[in-house]
Amino acid sequence: MKIETEYAVQMLIEILFEKGLLNQETYLNVMKEMNRNEQQKAA
């Protein structure tokens, strides 16, 4: 079973945010950057 790196990073960031170990601003910045990277890969 192979897990994509981007998916694993996204899940870890979400877990850290849910546990209160990551503030909302940082969480949103990371998610925006990940979405931007995904869009660039698709183009």
N, C-alpha and C. Protein backbone atom coordinates (compact mmCIF):
# COMPACT_ATOMS: atom_id res chain seq x y z
N MET A 1 0.85 -1.18 0.00
CA MET A 1 0.00 0.00 0.00
C MET A 1 0.89 1.24 0.00
N LYS A 2 0.64 2.13 -0.94
CA LYS A 2 1.43 3.36 -1.03
C LYS A 2 0.54 4.55 -0.69
N ILE A 3 1.05 5.41 0.17
CA ILE A 3 0.33 6.62 0.54
C ILE A 3 1.07 7.80 -0.08
N GLU A 4 0.34 8.62 -0.81
CA GLU A 4 0.94 9.79 -1.43
C GLU A 4 1.44 10.76 -0.35
N THR A 5 2.58 11.33 -0.57
CA THR A 5 3.19 12.25 0.40
C THR A 5 2.28 13.44 0.69
N GLU A 6 1.70 14.03 -0.35
CA GLU A 6 0.85 15.19 -0.17
C GLU A 6 -0.35 14.87 0.71
N TYR A 7 -0.93 13.69 0.52
CA TYR A 7 -2.08 13.28 1.32
C TYR A 7 -1.67 13.10 2.78
N ALA A 8 -0.53 12.47 3.00
CA ALA A 8 -0.05 12.24 4.37
C ALA A 8 0.22 13.57 5.07
N VAL A 9 0.83 14.51 4.37
CA VAL A 9 1.10 15.83 4.95
C VAL A 9 -0.20 16.53 5.30
N GLN A 10 -1.17 16.48 4.40
CA GLN A 10 -2.46 17.12 4.65
C GLN A 10 -3.14 16.52 5.88
N MET A 11 -3.12 15.21 6.02
CA MET A 11 -3.74 14.56 7.17
C MET A 11 -3.03 14.94 8.47
N LEU A 12 -1.70 14.98 8.44
CA LEU A 12 -0.95 15.37 9.64
C LEU A 12 -1.24 16.81 10.04
N ILE A 13 -1.32 17.71 9.08
CA ILE A 13 -1.62 19.11 9.37
C ILE A 13 -3.02 19.22 9.99
N GLU A 14 -3.98 18.49 9.44
CA GLU A 14 -5.34 18.52 9.98
C GLU A 14 -5.40 17.97 11.40
N ILE A 15 -4.66 16.91 11.66
CA ILE A 15 -4.62 16.34 13.02
C ILE A 15 -4.01 17.33 14.00
N LEU A 16 -2.90 17.95 13.61
CA LEU A 16 -2.26 18.94 14.49
C LEU A 16 -3.21 20.10 14.79
N PHE A 17 -3.94 20.54 13.78
CA PHE A 17 -4.89 21.64 13.96
C PHE A 17 -6.02 21.22 14.90
N GLU A 18 -6.57 20.03 14.69
CA GLU A 18 -7.66 19.54 15.53
C GLU A 18 -7.24 19.37 16.98
N LYS A 19 -5.98 19.01 17.20
CA LYS A 19 -5.46 18.82 18.56
C LYS A 19 -5.06 20.14 19.22
N GLY A 20 -5.14 21.24 18.47
CA GLY A 20 -4.79 22.53 19.02
C GLY A 20 -3.30 22.81 19.02
N LEU A 21 -2.54 22.03 18.26
CA LEU A 21 -1.10 22.22 18.20
C LEU A 21 -0.67 23.13 17.06
N LEU A 22 -1.65 23.58 16.28
CA LEU A 22 -1.40 24.45 15.14
C LEU A 22 -2.50 25.51 15.16
N ASN A 23 -2.12 26.78 15.09
CA ASN A 23 -3.16 27.81 15.12
C ASN A 23 -3.86 27.92 13.76
N GLN A 24 -5.00 28.57 13.75
CA GLN A 24 -5.84 28.63 12.55
C GLN A 24 -5.13 29.33 11.39
N GLU A 25 -4.42 30.41 11.67
CA GLU A 25 -3.75 31.14 10.60
C GLU A 25 -2.70 30.27 9.90
N THR A 26 -1.92 29.55 10.68
CA THR A 26 -0.92 28.66 10.11
C THR A 26 -1.58 27.55 9.32
N TYR A 27 -2.63 26.96 9.87
CA TYR A 27 -3.37 25.89 9.20
C TYR A 27 -3.87 26.38 7.84
N LEU A 28 -4.51 27.54 7.82
CA LEU A 28 -5.07 28.06 6.57
C LEU A 28 -3.97 28.38 5.56
N ASN A 29 -2.85 28.92 6.02
CA ASN A 29 -1.73 29.21 5.12
C ASN A 29 -1.17 27.93 4.50
N VAL A 30 -1.02 26.91 5.29
CA VAL A 30 -0.50 25.64 4.78
C VAL A 30 -1.47 25.04 3.77
N MET A 31 -2.76 25.07 4.08
CA MET A 31 -3.76 24.49 3.18
C MET A 31 -3.82 25.27 1.86
N LYS A 32 -3.74 26.60 1.93
CA LYS A 32 -3.73 27.41 0.71
C LYS A 32 -2.52 27.08 -0.15
N GLU A 33 -1.37 26.95 0.48
CA GLU A 33 -0.14 26.64 -0.25
C GLU A 33 -0.23 25.25 -0.89
N MET A 34 -0.77 24.31 -0.18
CA MET A 34 -0.92 22.96 -0.73
C MET A 34 -1.87 22.96 -1.92
N ASN A 35 -2.97 23.71 -1.82
CA ASN A 35 -3.91 23.80 -2.93
C ASN A 35 -3.27 24.47 -4.14
N ARG A 36 -2.47 25.51 -3.88
CA ARG A 36 -1.78 26.21 -4.97
C ARG A 36 -0.81 25.25 -5.67
N ASN A 37 -0.09 24.45 -4.89
CA ASN A 37 0.84 23.48 -5.46
C ASN A 37 0.13 22.43 -6.29
N GLU A 38 -1.01 21.96 -5.81
CA GLU A 38 -1.79 20.96 -6.54
C GLU A 38 -2.27 21.52 -7.87
N GLN A 39 -2.72 22.76 -7.87
CA GLN A 39 -3.21 23.39 -9.08
C GLN A 39 -2.07 23.56 -10.10
N GLN A 40 -0.88 23.90 -9.61
CA GLN A 40 0.26 24.07 -10.50
C GLN A 40 0.68 22.74 -11.12
N LYS A 41 0.59 21.66 -10.34
CA LYS A 41 0.93 20.34 -10.87
C LYS A 41 -0.05 19.90 -11.93
N ALA A 42 -1.33 20.27 -11.76
CA ALA A 42 -2.37 19.87 -12.70
C ALA A 42 -2.27 20.66 -14.01
N ALA A 43 -1.67 21.82 -13.96
CA ALA A 43 -1.60 22.68 -15.17
C ALA A 43 -0.51 22.24 -16.12
